[in-house]
Amino acid sequence: MSTVAIITARGGSKRIPRKNIRPFLGKPIIAYAIQAAHESGLFDEVMVSTDDDEIAAISQEYGASVPFLRRAETADDYATTADVLREVLNQYAERGRSFEYACCLYPTAPFVTPRLLKQAFSKLIDHPFDTVYPVQPFSFPIQRAVRLHDSKVAWFQPEHALTRSQDLELAYHDAGQFYFFNVASFLQSRRLITENAGGIVISELDAHDIDNEADWQIAEIKFKMHNEQ
């Protein structure tokens, strides 16, 4: 079977300028995803989809291929991840290459490990799912969430106002690291996450969403703690 890792790294970033190649504890943050993909031994190709020459050069320096640059239409603020993945797979098809499985890796996911990629791929094959991706448990029961309107607090689910936390079902959210998927299923549904998706549970220490400067600093602290254990 043929597999490809697709690391999506456009040049534009509003909240953190040059986010995808900014140094994270001494090396460009995108390097972590590239190296994890290579070290997993799962992929016939580890590529970066970008519209930016500097990102392309740094990606190649760390061992990724950049066989083509992303079109302007898939590099703006409105293009979805699925749009980018379809473009990449179609570009390869035009060059005579096809893949049975693919993994969309985000360039700002330094916590991704070869072990986690292997675990996801095994689950994708064994079940089989259309897609498998990491999820994390919410730190507080979502059934006890409240809304705030004109400073007034109200329950989203008032029926659980007095329910004990330990009696509520645990809820999870997308960890925002990667999606390992069946290419044929993806191209047919045109959706990255279908009703036939599987999840791998990771702890709150194994990922961190990076949207602003505070997130970046917290992620570096968590990464250092994680790797000192």
Protein backbone atom coordinates (compact mmCIF):
# COMPACT_ATOMS: atom_id res chain seq x y z
CA MET A 1 0.00 0.00 0.00
CA SER A 2 1.18 3.53 -0.77
CA THR A 3 0.96 6.33 1.79
CA VAL A 4 1.70 10.05 1.79
CA ALA A 5 2.08 12.59 4.59
CA ILE A 6 0.69 15.97 3.57
CA ILE A 7 1.80 18.85 5.79
CA THR A 8 -0.37 21.90 5.11
CA ALA A 9 1.64 25.11 5.59
CA ARG A 10 0.50 28.24 3.79
CA GLY A 11 2.49 31.43 4.13
CA GLY A 12 -0.22 33.71 5.49
CA SER A 13 -0.81 33.82 9.25
CA LYS A 14 -2.75 36.66 10.84
CA ARG A 15 -2.41 36.09 14.59
CA ILE A 16 1.19 34.79 14.69
CA PRO A 17 3.28 36.07 11.75
CA ARG A 18 5.27 33.36 9.93
CA LYS A 19 3.81 30.87 12.39
CA ASN A 20 4.63 27.73 10.42
CA ILE A 21 8.38 28.32 10.43
CA ARG A 22 8.79 30.28 13.65
CA PRO A 23 11.43 28.74 15.95
CA PHE A 24 9.92 26.44 18.58
CA LEU A 25 12.53 25.57 21.20
CA GLY A 26 15.38 26.04 18.75
CA LYS A 27 14.08 24.85 15.38
CA PRO A 28 11.27 25.74 12.97
CA ILE A 29 8.02 24.35 14.34
CA ILE A 30 7.22 22.63 11.02
CA ALA A 31 10.36 20.52 11.43
CA TYR A 32 8.74 18.49 14.23
CA ALA A 33 5.93 17.24 11.98
CA ILE A 34 8.34 16.46 9.13
CA GLN A 35 10.67 14.51 11.39
CA ALA A 36 7.86 12.58 13.11
CA ALA A 37 6.50 11.53 9.71
CA HIS A 38 9.90 10.34 8.51
CA GLU A 39 10.74 8.53 11.75
CA SER A 40 7.43 6.67 11.73
CA GLY A 41 8.51 4.79 8.60
CA LEU A 42 4.90 4.79 7.37
CA PHE A 43 5.18 7.04 4.34
CA ASP A 44 6.39 6.67 0.79
CA GLU A 45 6.35 10.46 0.52
CA VAL A 46 6.48 13.24 3.11
CA MET A 47 5.47 16.45 1.40
CA VAL A 48 4.62 20.03 2.32
CA SER A 49 1.81 21.91 0.60
CA THR A 50 2.66 25.60 0.64
CA ASP A 51 2.43 28.76 -1.41
CA ASP A 52 5.53 30.24 0.23
CA ASP A 53 9.11 29.92 -1.08
CA GLU A 54 10.71 30.31 2.36
CA ILE A 55 8.50 27.63 3.90
CA ALA A 56 9.29 25.38 0.93
CA ALA A 57 13.05 25.86 1.37
CA ILE A 58 12.97 25.19 5.13
CA SER A 59 10.75 22.14 4.63
CA GLN A 60 13.18 20.71 2.09
CA GLU A 61 16.06 21.40 4.46
CA TYR A 62 14.39 19.12 7.02
CA GLY A 63 13.73 16.38 4.50
CA ALA A 64 10.26 17.06 3.09
CA SER A 65 9.51 17.23 -0.62
CA VAL A 66 7.75 20.21 -2.20
CA PRO A 67 6.93 18.91 -5.69
CA PHE A 68 4.61 21.83 -6.48
CA LEU A 69 3.38 25.05 -4.90
CA ARG A 70 -0.16 25.63 -3.75
CA ARG A 71 -2.52 27.64 -5.94
CA ALA A 72 -3.72 31.05 -4.74
CA GLU A 73 -7.27 29.68 -4.45
CA THR A 74 -6.23 27.18 -1.81
CA ALA A 75 -3.91 29.55 0.06
CA ASP A 76 -6.42 32.21 1.16
CA ASP A 77 -8.37 32.49 4.42
CA TYR A 78 -11.42 30.71 3.01
CA ALA A 79 -9.90 27.50 1.65
CA THR A 80 -10.62 24.44 3.79
CA THR A 81 -8.20 21.69 4.69
CA ALA A 82 -10.21 19.36 2.45
CA ASP A 83 -9.74 21.79 -0.46
CA VAL A 84 -5.97 21.67 0.03
CA LEU A 85 -5.87 17.88 0.30
CA ARG A 86 -7.90 17.41 -2.89
CA GLU A 87 -5.56 19.76 -4.73
CA VAL A 88 -2.50 17.82 -3.55
CA LEU A 89 -3.94 14.42 -4.45
CA ASN A 90 -5.10 15.68 -7.86
CA GLN A 91 -1.67 17.18 -8.57
CA TYR A 92 -0.03 13.85 -7.79
CA ALA A 93 -2.57 12.04 -9.98
CA GLU A 94 -1.71 14.33 -12.88
CA ARG A 95 1.92 13.28 -12.37
CA GLY A 96 1.00 9.60 -12.43
CA ARG A 97 1.12 8.94 -8.69
CA SER A 98 -1.69 7.72 -6.47
CA PHE A 99 -1.92 6.81 -2.80
CA GLU A 100 -4.14 4.43 -0.87
CA TYR A 101 -3.76 6.26 2.43
CA ALA A 102 -2.76 9.77 3.42
CA CYS A 103 -2.12 11.69 6.60
CA CYS A 104 -2.85 15.40 6.85
CA LEU A 105 -0.37 16.76 9.38
CA TYR A 106 -0.59 20.30 10.72
CA PRO A 107 2.75 22.17 10.72
CA THR A 108 2.18 23.60 14.19
CA ALA A 109 1.76 20.24 15.93
CA PRO A 110 5.16 19.61 17.57
CA PHE A 111 3.72 17.03 20.00
CA VAL A 112 3.04 14.49 17.23
CA THR A 113 5.17 11.38 17.62
CA PRO A 114 6.00 8.43 15.35
CA ARG A 115 4.31 6.15 17.90
CA LEU A 116 1.03 8.09 17.69
CA LEU A 117 1.09 8.07 13.89
CA LYS A 118 1.62 4.29 13.91
CA GLN A 119 -1.22 3.84 16.38
CA ALA A 120 -3.59 5.87 14.21
CA PHE A 121 -2.62 4.02 11.05
CA SER A 122 -3.17 0.63 12.70
CA LYS A 123 -6.64 1.68 13.84
CA LEU A 124 -7.46 3.02 10.37
CA ILE A 125 -6.52 -0.32 8.80
CA ASP A 126 -7.93 -2.68 11.41
CA HIS A 127 -11.50 -1.37 11.70
CA PRO A 128 -11.54 0.05 8.95
CA PHE A 129 -12.41 3.72 9.41
CA ASP A 130 -12.49 6.48 6.80
CA THR A 131 -10.37 8.69 9.07
CA VAL A 132 -8.61 8.39 12.44
CA TYR A 133 -7.44 11.37 14.46
CA PRO A 134 -6.34 12.24 18.05
CA VAL A 135 -8.90 13.54 20.54
CA GLN A 136 -8.54 14.96 24.03
CA PRO A 137 -11.03 14.90 26.92
CA PHE A 138 -12.58 18.21 27.97
CA SER A 139 -11.24 19.19 31.38
CA PHE A 140 -14.76 20.09 32.63
CA PRO A 141 -18.09 18.35 31.84
CA ILE A 142 -19.63 20.07 28.82
CA GLN A 143 -23.10 19.14 30.10
CA ARG A 144 -22.54 21.71 32.91
CA ALA A 145 -21.63 24.53 30.52
CA VAL A 146 -23.27 27.94 30.92
CA ARG A 147 -24.03 30.79 28.55
CA LEU A 148 -23.56 34.45 29.38
CA HIS A 149 -25.93 37.10 27.99
CA ASP A 150 -25.96 40.68 29.33
CA SER A 151 -24.03 39.42 32.37
CA LYS A 152 -26.75 36.86 33.16
CA VAL A 153 -25.70 33.24 33.47
CA ALA A 154 -27.89 30.38 32.24
CA TRP A 155 -27.36 26.64 31.82
CA PHE A 156 -27.09 25.15 28.34
CA GLN A 157 -28.50 21.91 29.77
CA PRO A 158 -30.42 22.81 32.95
CA GLU A 159 -31.41 19.17 33.45
CA HIS A 160 -27.78 18.53 34.49
CA ALA A 161 -27.51 21.44 36.95
CA LEU A 162 -27.43 19.05 39.90
CA THR A 163 -25.94 16.00 38.18
CA ARG A 164 -22.69 14.82 39.73
CA SER A 165 -19.69 15.25 37.43
CA GLN A 166 -18.76 11.59 37.76
CA ASP A 167 -22.21 10.60 36.45
CA LEU A 168 -21.86 12.57 33.21
CA GLU A 169 -20.52 11.08 30.01
CA LEU A 170 -16.95 12.11 29.21
CA ALA A 171 -16.71 14.34 26.12
CA TYR A 172 -13.75 14.85 23.78
CA HIS A 173 -12.52 17.41 21.27
CA ASP A 174 -10.27 17.31 18.21
CA ALA A 175 -6.64 17.69 19.31
CA GLY A 176 -5.80 19.53 16.07
CA GLN A 177 -2.73 17.49 15.18
CA PHE A 178 -3.38 15.19 12.23
CA TYR A 179 -5.94 13.15 10.28
CA PHE A 180 -4.98 9.74 8.88
CA PHE A 181 -7.45 8.83 6.13
CA ASN A 182 -8.42 6.46 3.35
CA VAL A 183 -7.86 8.39 0.11
CA ALA A 184 -10.65 6.73 -1.90
CA SER A 185 -13.21 7.38 0.85
CA PHE A 186 -12.10 10.99 1.16
CA LEU A 187 -12.28 11.69 -2.56
CA GLN A 188 -15.73 10.12 -2.75
CA SER A 189 -17.25 11.91 0.25
CA ARG A 190 -15.22 15.11 -0.18
CA ARG A 191 -15.14 15.26 3.62
CA LEU A 192 -12.19 14.70 5.90
CA ILE A 193 -14.34 13.64 8.87
CA THR A 194 -17.28 11.38 8.07
CA GLU A 195 -19.65 9.41 10.29
CA ASN A 196 -17.18 6.54 9.97
CA ALA A 197 -14.32 8.26 11.81
CA GLY A 198 -12.26 6.86 14.65
CA GLY A 199 -10.42 8.56 17.48
CA ILE A 200 -7.30 7.99 19.56
CA VAL A 201 -7.42 9.47 23.06
CA ILE A 202 -4.40 11.52 24.14
CA SER A 203 -3.86 13.44 27.37
CA GLU A 204 -4.01 17.20 27.85
CA LEU A 205 -0.21 17.21 28.02
CA ASP A 206 0.18 15.63 24.59
CA ALA A 207 -1.09 18.56 22.50
CA HIS A 208 -1.77 22.27 22.67
CA ASP A 209 -3.67 24.49 20.25
CA ILE A 210 -1.48 27.45 19.24
CA ASP A 211 -3.48 30.52 18.23
CA ASN A 212 -1.69 33.39 19.99
CA GLU A 213 1.51 34.31 21.82
CA ALA A 214 0.30 32.96 25.17
CA ASP A 215 -0.55 29.63 23.50
CA TRP A 216 2.94 29.48 22.02
CA GLN A 217 4.63 30.00 25.39
CA ILE A 218 2.41 27.44 27.12
CA ALA A 219 3.07 24.92 24.35
CA GLU A 220 6.83 25.29 24.79
CA ILE A 221 6.49 24.77 28.55
CA LYS A 222 4.32 21.68 28.06
CA PHE A 223 6.66 20.29 25.42
CA LYS A 224 9.69 20.65 27.71
CA MET A 225 7.79 19.03 30.61
CA HIS A 226 6.65 16.20 28.35
CA ASN A 227 10.16 15.46 27.10
CA GLU A 228 11.78 15.66 30.53
CA GLN A 229 9.61 12.86 31.92
